[in-house]
Amino acid sequence: MLHVVTKEEAIAIIREKTACLSAQTERLPLADAAGRILAADLIAGEDIPAFDRSTVDGYAVIAADTFGAGAAIPAQLDTVGEILMGEAAETALRRGQCVRISTGGMLPPGADAAVMVEQTEQAEGLCLVYKSVAPFENVTRKGDDLARGDAVLKKGTLLGAAQIGVLAALGAREVDVFRRPVIAIISTGDEITDGTPGPGQIRDINSYLLAAAAREAGCEARMYGVVHDRSAEIETAVRDCLRDADAVLLSGGSSAGARDLTVQIIDALGEVFFHGIAMKPGKPTIFGMIEGKPVFGLPGHPLAAYFVFRLIVADYLKACLRQPGDAPIHAGPLAVNIPSNHGRTEFLCVKIGSGGEVTPVHTKSGVISVLSASEGFIEIPRDAEGLAQGTIVKVYRL
């Protein structure tokens, strides 16, 4: 018989037992860092841009020389040269002068604005300016994007294309990231096969499902394969996985049947801290530690295994990778009544309607297609006897 804990108690136990496991870091070339988690705050060591530059094609000017200019009485400025893209502007501009400049060009010393070429005309060596500009109009100033000393990216930031671009702008060629935890995945069960199923057999779904979920969570996943319901085989698989992995996931063999060996093996090799969580799906979940590494026993049903990973295992992984917890992606009214009287926190897959209404996607135990047919899930508290139509619920991402 299972002695269950609540989901919150399970998470607290895992956090307590794994608190001593510090995340390791590694340094990667910037080109290889996309999708990784930043391991230290990034402080700008220089100004971006490093100089005042024009945001238009036109002329660099001293703004005061254009005051009062208009279509009837243009400002008349001497054109004293041109600044090409990528070259330094070293000669100072004096009152009554301007220089030709392209978008992104460096403003010369003394200039404090740029006039668009469409608002000018060349006449006998003079630049006629038909519209006045204010100081620093059409100019990106030194440090406008990033100033030296700015906190640019926080530790724990997921490095996507935008963040990689910022790092490149600052001249970073390498970056410190958290090492991806290595998660070993074992499927157990005499009925599971990775080939063509025979009579009474089913395909191995969980190895692939959990490996994909682990990779989505930012980890490296290693699939051990299918292991028969034999104590010696499962024990050998666990020992093999523990050599190289940071954590082990076993799916199947976690309920209270006579051939369910996972809890016995974890207890024999290490220590079991709970067996059973008051949640649906996912009640027969196991957590223990072997050789200082967490080992999770997940249900064999793919949908239940996925929810345990999503709600329990992922919390451990987020702590390893210094990632924030869940935030809802939507809040809306239930489209129908939902009964629930299980004494367990229940999680239901849902779809979101065009008007924001939330509708459960009903399924049977063991059915996996509901995951791809859903847009998220909702939580029904364990002490609730269901939720009434119109109740505002929070939807979380699958």
Protein backbone atom coordinates (compact mmCIF):
# COMPACT_ATOMS: atom_id res chain seq x y z
CA MET A 1 0.00 0.00 0.00
CA LEU A 2 1.30 3.43 -0.93
CA HIS A 3 1.77 6.10 1.74
CA VAL A 4 1.28 9.25 -0.27
CA VAL A 5 2.53 12.79 0.18
CA THR A 6 1.07 15.88 -1.44
CA LYS A 7 2.64 17.35 -4.56
CA GLU A 8 3.93 20.27 -2.50
CA GLU A 9 5.42 17.92 0.10
CA ALA A 10 7.07 15.85 -2.64
CA ILE A 11 8.68 18.94 -4.18
CA ALA A 12 9.88 20.10 -0.76
CA ILE A 13 11.44 16.70 -0.02
CA ILE A 14 13.25 16.64 -3.37
CA ARG A 15 14.54 20.18 -2.91
CA GLU A 16 15.81 19.35 0.57
CA LYS A 17 17.58 16.17 -0.48
CA THR A 18 19.13 17.65 -3.62
CA ALA A 19 20.03 21.08 -2.19
CA CYS A 20 23.67 20.06 -1.84
CA LEU A 21 23.94 19.25 -5.56
CA SER A 22 25.51 22.37 -7.02
CA ALA A 23 25.12 23.07 -10.70
CA GLN A 24 28.35 22.75 -12.63
CA THR A 25 29.34 25.30 -15.23
CA GLU A 26 31.32 25.23 -18.45
CA ARG A 27 32.66 27.78 -20.91
CA LEU A 28 31.44 27.53 -24.50
CA PRO A 29 32.20 29.40 -27.71
CA LEU A 30 29.47 31.95 -28.30
CA ALA A 31 28.50 30.19 -31.53
CA ASP A 32 27.59 27.06 -29.51
CA ALA A 33 25.78 28.76 -26.61
CA ALA A 34 22.26 29.12 -28.04
CA GLY A 35 19.72 27.30 -25.90
CA ARG A 36 21.99 27.21 -22.86
CA ILE A 37 21.56 28.90 -19.46
CA LEU A 38 23.82 31.80 -18.49
CA ALA A 39 25.84 30.94 -15.38
CA ALA A 40 26.84 34.46 -14.29
CA ASP A 41 25.52 38.01 -14.52
CA LEU A 42 26.81 39.81 -17.60
CA ILE A 43 28.00 43.38 -17.07
CA ALA A 44 28.75 45.58 -20.07
CA GLY A 45 32.48 46.34 -20.26
CA GLU A 46 32.07 49.00 -22.92
CA ASP A 47 29.57 51.44 -24.40
CA ILE A 48 27.36 50.27 -27.25
CA PRO A 49 27.52 52.06 -29.60
CA ALA A 50 31.05 53.24 -28.88
CA PHE A 51 30.48 56.57 -30.66
CA ASP A 52 27.69 58.96 -31.65
CA ARG A 53 26.35 57.85 -35.03
CA SER A 54 23.80 58.99 -37.56
CA THR A 55 20.52 57.13 -37.96
CA VAL A 56 19.86 58.66 -41.41
CA ASP A 57 21.55 59.25 -44.73
CA GLY A 58 22.21 62.96 -44.92
CA TYR A 59 24.49 65.52 -43.33
CA ALA A 60 26.10 65.80 -39.91
CA VAL A 61 25.51 69.31 -38.60
CA ILE A 62 25.63 71.54 -35.56
CA ALA A 63 21.95 71.74 -34.66
CA ALA A 64 22.10 75.45 -33.80
CA ASP A 65 23.09 76.22 -37.42
CA THR A 66 19.70 74.92 -38.60
CA PHE A 67 17.46 76.79 -36.17
CA GLY A 68 14.82 78.76 -38.06
CA ALA A 69 15.43 76.95 -41.35
CA GLY A 70 12.41 76.39 -43.53
CA ALA A 71 11.24 75.98 -47.10
CA ALA A 72 11.36 79.73 -47.78
CA ILE A 73 14.62 80.47 -45.97
CA PRO A 74 16.92 77.43 -45.82
CA ALA A 75 20.05 77.32 -43.69
CA GLN A 76 23.18 77.53 -45.85
CA LEU A 77 26.11 75.37 -44.76
CA ASP A 78 29.49 74.66 -46.28
CA THR A 79 29.93 71.00 -47.21
CA VAL A 80 33.46 70.17 -46.09
CA GLY A 81 33.72 66.45 -46.78
CA GLU A 82 32.19 63.06 -46.40
CA ILE A 83 32.39 60.40 -43.68
CA LEU A 84 32.40 56.91 -45.12
CA MET A 85 31.00 53.91 -43.28
CA GLY A 86 33.52 52.27 -41.00
CA GLU A 87 35.98 55.14 -40.91
CA ALA A 88 36.85 57.42 -38.01
CA ALA A 89 35.66 61.02 -38.08
CA GLU A 90 38.60 62.94 -36.68
CA THR A 91 38.26 66.48 -38.06
CA ALA A 92 36.10 68.69 -35.89
CA LEU A 93 33.09 70.39 -37.44
CA ARG A 94 32.95 74.18 -37.06
CA ARG A 95 29.95 76.51 -37.07
CA GLY A 96 28.45 76.88 -40.53
CA GLN A 97 29.85 73.57 -41.77
CA CYS A 98 28.39 70.12 -42.48
CA VAL A 99 29.67 66.79 -43.78
CA ARG A 100 27.98 64.13 -45.83
CA ILE A 101 27.20 61.04 -43.72
CA SER A 102 25.50 57.66 -44.16
CA THR A 103 23.27 55.76 -41.75
CA GLY A 104 25.49 54.32 -39.03
CA GLY A 105 28.33 56.72 -39.80
CA MET A 106 30.35 58.27 -36.98
CA LEU A 107 29.50 61.88 -36.15
CA PRO A 108 32.56 64.13 -36.29
CA PRO A 109 33.63 66.07 -33.17
CA GLY A 110 31.48 69.18 -32.77
CA ALA A 111 28.46 67.77 -34.65
CA ASP A 112 25.39 67.07 -32.55
CA ALA A 113 22.67 66.21 -35.09
CA ALA A 114 22.00 64.86 -38.57
CA VAL A 115 19.72 66.18 -41.29
CA MET A 116 18.00 63.77 -43.67
CA VAL A 117 19.18 64.10 -47.25
CA GLU A 118 15.54 64.52 -48.36
CA GLN A 119 15.42 67.79 -46.42
CA THR A 120 18.51 69.25 -48.13
CA GLU A 121 19.70 70.41 -51.53
CA GLN A 122 23.19 71.01 -52.93
CA ALA A 123 23.74 74.39 -54.65
CA GLU A 124 27.15 75.71 -55.71
CA GLY A 125 29.07 73.94 -52.94
CA LEU A 126 26.52 74.85 -50.30
CA CYS A 127 24.15 72.49 -48.52
CA LEU A 128 20.71 74.09 -48.25
CA VAL A 129 18.86 72.75 -45.21
CA TYR A 130 15.07 73.16 -45.40
CA LYS A 131 14.17 71.83 -41.95
CA SER A 132 15.69 72.58 -38.59
CA VAL A 133 16.83 69.77 -36.30
CA ALA A 134 17.13 69.63 -32.53
CA PRO A 135 20.33 68.64 -30.74
CA PHE A 136 20.92 64.87 -31.18
CA GLU A 137 18.00 64.48 -33.56
CA ASN A 138 18.58 61.54 -35.93
CA VAL A 139 21.51 60.45 -33.78
CA THR A 140 22.16 57.37 -31.66
CA ARG A 141 24.42 58.55 -28.86
CA LYS A 142 27.39 56.71 -27.40
CA GLY A 143 26.08 54.21 -24.83
CA ASP A 144 22.42 54.64 -25.86
CA ASP A 145 22.10 50.89 -26.42
CA LEU A 146 24.31 49.67 -23.56
CA ALA A 147 26.44 51.73 -21.23
CA ARG A 148 29.63 50.50 -19.59
CA GLY A 149 28.69 48.97 -16.21
CA ASP A 150 25.08 48.18 -17.17
CA ALA A 151 23.71 44.83 -15.98
CA VAL A 152 22.92 43.35 -19.37
CA LEU A 153 21.86 39.73 -18.75
CA LYS A 154 21.10 38.01 -15.46
CA LYS A 155 22.42 34.67 -14.31
CA GLY A 156 19.85 32.05 -15.27
CA THR A 157 18.91 33.71 -18.57
CA LEU A 158 18.08 31.35 -21.41
CA LEU A 159 20.35 32.31 -24.29
CA GLY A 160 18.27 32.75 -27.42
CA ALA A 161 19.04 34.59 -30.63
CA ALA A 162 18.45 38.02 -29.03
CA GLN A 163 20.79 37.32 -26.11
CA ILE A 164 23.47 35.88 -28.39
CA GLY A 165 23.25 39.09 -30.42
CA VAL A 166 23.82 41.19 -27.30
CA LEU A 167 26.83 39.07 -26.33
CA ALA A 168 28.26 39.44 -29.82
CA ALA A 169 27.77 43.23 -29.67
CA LEU A 170 29.83 43.29 -26.48
CA GLY A 171 32.63 41.32 -28.08
CA ALA A 172 32.06 38.09 -26.13
CA ARG A 173 33.54 35.09 -27.91
CA GLU A 174 33.03 32.68 -25.03
CA VAL A 175 30.36 32.51 -22.34
CA ASP A 176 29.95 30.67 -19.04
CA VAL A 177 26.83 28.50 -18.97
CA PHE A 178 25.42 25.85 -16.68
CA ARG A 179 26.38 22.36 -17.72
CA ARG A 180 23.41 20.40 -18.92
CA PRO A 181 22.39 17.79 -16.34
CA VAL A 182 22.66 14.29 -17.80
CA ILE A 183 19.40 12.38 -17.33
CA ALA A 184 19.41 8.62 -17.84
CA ILE A 185 16.08 7.05 -18.79
CA ILE A 186 15.13 3.40 -18.27
CA SER A 187 11.84 1.80 -19.36
CA THR A 188 10.88 -1.29 -17.41
CA GLY A 189 8.29 -3.96 -18.16
CA ASP A 190 8.02 -7.35 -19.84
CA GLU A 191 5.27 -5.94 -22.04
CA ILE A 192 7.44 -3.11 -23.44
CA THR A 193 9.34 -3.50 -26.70
CA ASP A 194 11.38 -1.15 -28.86
CA GLY A 195 10.55 -3.23 -31.94
CA THR A 196 7.35 -4.46 -33.52
CA PRO A 197 4.93 -5.41 -30.73
CA GLY A 198 3.94 -9.04 -30.41
CA PRO A 199 0.76 -10.32 -28.73
CA GLY A 200 0.26 -8.49 -25.43
CA GLN A 201 3.15 -6.10 -26.04
CA ILE A 202 3.24 -2.32 -26.49
CA ARG A 203 5.86 -0.02 -27.97
CA ASP A 204 8.30 1.83 -25.75
CA ILE A 205 6.81 5.32 -25.61
CA ASN A 206 8.27 6.57 -22.35
CA SER A 207 11.94 6.44 -23.32
CA TYR A 208 11.32 8.77 -26.23
CA LEU A 209 8.72 10.90 -24.47
CA LEU A 210 10.86 11.49 -21.38
CA ALA A 211 14.06 12.02 -23.38
CA ALA A 212 12.34 14.71 -25.42
CA ALA A 213 10.93 16.32 -22.27
CA ALA A 214 14.38 16.28 -20.65
CA ARG A 215 15.94 17.92 -23.68
CA GLU A 216 13.20 20.55 -23.76
CA ALA A 217 14.08 21.26 -20.13
CA GLY A 218 17.68 21.96 -21.11
CA CYS A 219 19.22 18.59 -20.21
CA GLU A 220 21.16 15.91 -21.98
CA ALA A 221 19.08 12.73 -22.19
CA ARG A 222 20.47 9.22 -22.50
CA MET A 223 18.08 6.38 -23.21
CA TYR A 224 19.19 3.12 -21.65
CA GLY A 225 16.41 1.16 -23.35
CA VAL A 226 13.92 -1.42 -22.19
CA VAL A 227 14.64 -3.61 -19.15
CA HIS A 228 12.60 -6.67 -18.19
CA ASP A 229 10.87 -6.99 -14.83
CA ARG A 230 13.82 -8.76 -13.22
CA SER A 231 15.51 -7.39 -10.11
CA ALA A 232 19.02 -8.18 -11.34
CA GLU A 233 18.43 -6.55 -14.75
CA ILE A 234 16.92 -3.39 -13.28
CA GLU A 235 19.64 -3.13 -10.65
CA THR A 236 22.35 -3.49 -13.31
CA ALA A 237 20.68 -0.82 -15.44
CA VAL A 238 20.48 1.61 -12.52
CA ARG A 239 24.12 1.05 -11.58
CA ASP A 240 25.22 1.52 -15.20
CA CYS A 241 23.26 4.77 -15.51
CA LEU A 242 24.55 6.18 -12.23
CA ARG A 243 28.15 6.03 -13.49
CA ASP A 244 27.64 8.85 -15.98
CA ALA A 245 24.27 10.45 -15.26
CA ASP A 246 23.28 13.14 -12.77
CA ALA A 247 19.82 11.63 -12.26
CA VAL A 248 17.96 8.49 -13.29
CA LEU A 249 14.34 8.15 -14.40
CA LEU A 250 12.73 4.71 -14.34
CA SER A 251 9.28 4.40 -15.84
CA GLY A 252 7.04 1.47 -14.95
CA GLY A 253 7.33 -0.80 -11.96
CA SER A 254 6.23 1.87 -9.50
CA SER A 255 2.77 0.75 -8.38
CA ALA A 256 2.01 -1.74 -5.63
CA GLY A 257 1.78 -4.91 -7.71
CA ALA A 258 3.72 -8.07 -6.97
CA ARG A 259 6.17 -7.57 -9.87
CA ASP A 260 6.80 -3.87 -9.28
CA LEU A 261 10.41 -3.83 -8.25
CA THR A 262 11.55 -0.23 -8.61
CA VAL A 263 10.97 0.84 -5.03
CA GLN A 264 12.68 -2.29 -3.69
CA ILE A 265 15.78 -1.68 -5.81
CA ILE A 266 16.07 2.01 -4.93
CA ASP A 267 15.69 1.12 -1.27
CA ALA A 268 18.32 -1.63 -1.54
CA LEU A 269 20.87 0.56 -3.34
CA GLY A 270 20.15 3.81 -1.51
CA GLU A 271 17.18 5.35 0.30
CA VAL A 272 13.55 5.91 -0.66
CA PHE A 273 12.07 9.19 0.63
CA PHE A 274 8.54 8.80 -0.62
CA HIS A 275 6.44 6.34 -2.60
CA GLY A 276 3.20 7.88 -3.75
CA ILE A 277 1.97 11.41 -4.46
CA ALA A 278 -1.62 12.55 -3.98
CA MET A 279 -2.00 13.60 -7.61
CA LYS A 280 -3.86 12.31 -10.65
CA PRO A 281 -2.31 11.19 -12.89
CA GLY A 282 0.93 10.11 -11.24
CA LYS A 283 0.05 8.66 -7.84
CA PRO A 284 2.59 5.77 -7.76
CA THR A 285 5.66 8.02 -8.03
CA ILE A 286 8.88 7.19 -6.19
CA PHE A 287 11.79 9.38 -5.19
CA GLY A 288 15.04 8.24 -3.67
CA MET A 289 18.77 8.91 -3.62
CA ILE A 290 21.50 6.45 -4.64
CA GLU A 291 25.16 7.39 -4.33
CA GLY A 292 24.15 10.99 -3.79
CA LYS A 293 22.14 11.16 -7.02
CA PRO A 294 18.36 11.47 -7.37
CA VAL A 295 16.44 8.53 -8.77
CA PHE A 296 12.81 8.91 -9.80
CA GLY A 297 10.36 6.07 -10.32
CA LEU A 298 7.64 7.22 -12.72
CA PRO A 299 4.38 5.47 -13.62
CA GLY A 300 4.35 3.30 -16.71
CA HIS A 301 1.36 5.01 -18.34
CA PRO A 302 2.85 7.61 -20.72
CA LEU A 303 0.42 10.40 -19.79
CA ALA A 304 1.07 9.87 -16.08
CA ALA A 305 4.83 9.64 -16.66
CA TYR A 306 4.74 12.90 -18.59
CA PHE A 307 2.81 14.77 -15.88
CA VAL A 308 5.14 13.52 -13.15
CA PHE A 309 8.08 14.72 -15.20
CA ARG A 310 6.41 18.05 -15.96
CA LEU A 311 5.32 18.75 -12.38
CA ILE A 312 7.88 16.98 -10.17
CA VAL A 313 11.09 16.14 -12.04
CA ALA A 314 11.16 19.42 -13.95
CA ASP A 315 11.09 21.32 -10.66
CA TYR A 316 14.35 19.60 -9.68
CA LEU A 317 15.86 20.35 -13.10
CA LYS A 318 14.86 24.01 -12.96
CA ALA A 319 16.60 24.30 -9.61
CA CYS A 320 19.74 22.74 -11.16
CA LEU A 321 19.64 25.20 -14.04
CA ARG A 322 18.61 28.19 -11.89
CA GLN A 323 15.39 28.61 -13.85
CA PRO A 324 12.20 30.26 -12.55
CA GLY A 325 9.10 28.27 -11.72
CA ASP A 326 5.95 27.94 -13.76
CA ALA A 327 3.78 30.87 -14.76
CA PRO A 328 0.34 30.43 -16.33
CA ILE A 329 -0.01 31.14 -20.03
CA HIS A 330 -3.73 31.91 -19.85
CA ALA A 331 -6.61 32.49 -17.44
CA GLY A 332 -10.17 32.00 -18.55
CA PRO A 333 -13.60 30.59 -17.64
CA LEU A 334 -14.36 26.89 -17.76
CA ALA A 335 -16.70 26.02 -20.61
CA VAL A 336 -18.23 23.07 -18.72
CA ASN A 337 -18.61 21.63 -15.24
CA ILE A 338 -15.73 19.35 -14.20
CA PRO A 339 -16.44 16.75 -11.50
CA SER A 340 -13.58 15.63 -9.26
CA ASN A 341 -13.69 13.76 -6.00
CA HIS A 342 -10.48 11.73 -5.81
CA GLY A 343 -8.79 13.19 -2.72
CA ARG A 344 -5.88 13.96 -5.03
CA THR A 345 -4.79 17.07 -6.88
CA GLU A 346 -5.97 16.45 -10.41
CA PHE A 347 -4.39 17.73 -13.62
CA LEU A 348 -6.40 17.91 -16.82
CA CYS A 349 -5.31 18.67 -20.36
CA VAL A 350 -7.32 21.50 -21.90
CA LYS A 351 -7.89 23.51 -25.05
CA ILE A 352 -8.42 27.27 -25.19
CA GLY A 353 -11.35 28.49 -27.27
CA SER A 354 -11.44 31.55 -29.52
CA GLY A 355 -13.20 33.49 -26.77
CA GLY A 356 -10.70 32.44 -24.09
CA GLU A 357 -12.92 29.71 -22.62
CA VAL A 358 -11.17 26.61 -21.29
CA THR A 359 -12.41 23.14 -22.23
CA PRO A 360 -11.01 19.86 -20.85
CA VAL A 361 -9.69 17.29 -23.32
CA HIS A 362 -10.96 14.05 -21.82
CA THR A 363 -8.97 10.87 -22.15
CA LYS A 364 -8.59 7.38 -20.75
CA SER A 365 -5.67 6.06 -18.73
CA GLY A 366 -2.63 5.30 -20.85
CA VAL A 367 -3.75 7.33 -23.87
CA ILE A 368 -0.91 9.55 -25.10
CA SER A 369 -2.44 11.42 -28.06
CA VAL A 370 -4.19 13.83 -25.69
CA LEU A 371 -0.88 15.65 -25.14
CA SER A 372 -0.54 16.70 -28.77
CA ALA A 373 -4.24 17.60 -28.91
CA SER A 374 -4.00 19.96 -25.92
CA GLU A 375 -2.76 23.51 -25.43
CA GLY A 376 -2.07 23.27 -21.71
CA PHE A 377 -3.34 21.88 -18.44
CA ILE A 378 -5.23 23.04 -15.37
CA GLU A 379 -5.06 21.99 -11.73
CA ILE A 380 -8.03 20.95 -9.60
CA PRO A 381 -7.22 21.15 -5.85
CA ARG A 382 -7.37 17.85 -3.97
CA ASP A 383 -10.05 19.13 -1.56
CA ALA A 384 -12.37 20.32 -4.35
CA GLU A 385 -15.40 18.33 -5.49
CA GLY A 386 -14.90 19.64 -9.00
CA LEU A 387 -15.04 23.04 -10.67
CA ALA A 388 -18.21 24.75 -11.89
CA GLN A 389 -18.74 26.10 -15.36
CA GLY A 390 -17.56 29.73 -15.49
CA THR A 391 -14.87 29.28 -12.83
CA ILE A 392 -11.74 31.21 -13.83
CA VAL A 393 -8.88 28.74 -14.12
CA LYS A 394 -5.19 29.16 -14.85
CA VAL A 395 -3.77 27.26 -17.80
CA TYR A 396 -0.14 26.12 -17.71
CA ARG A 397 1.98 25.17 -20.69
CA LEU A 398 2.48 21.49 -21.42
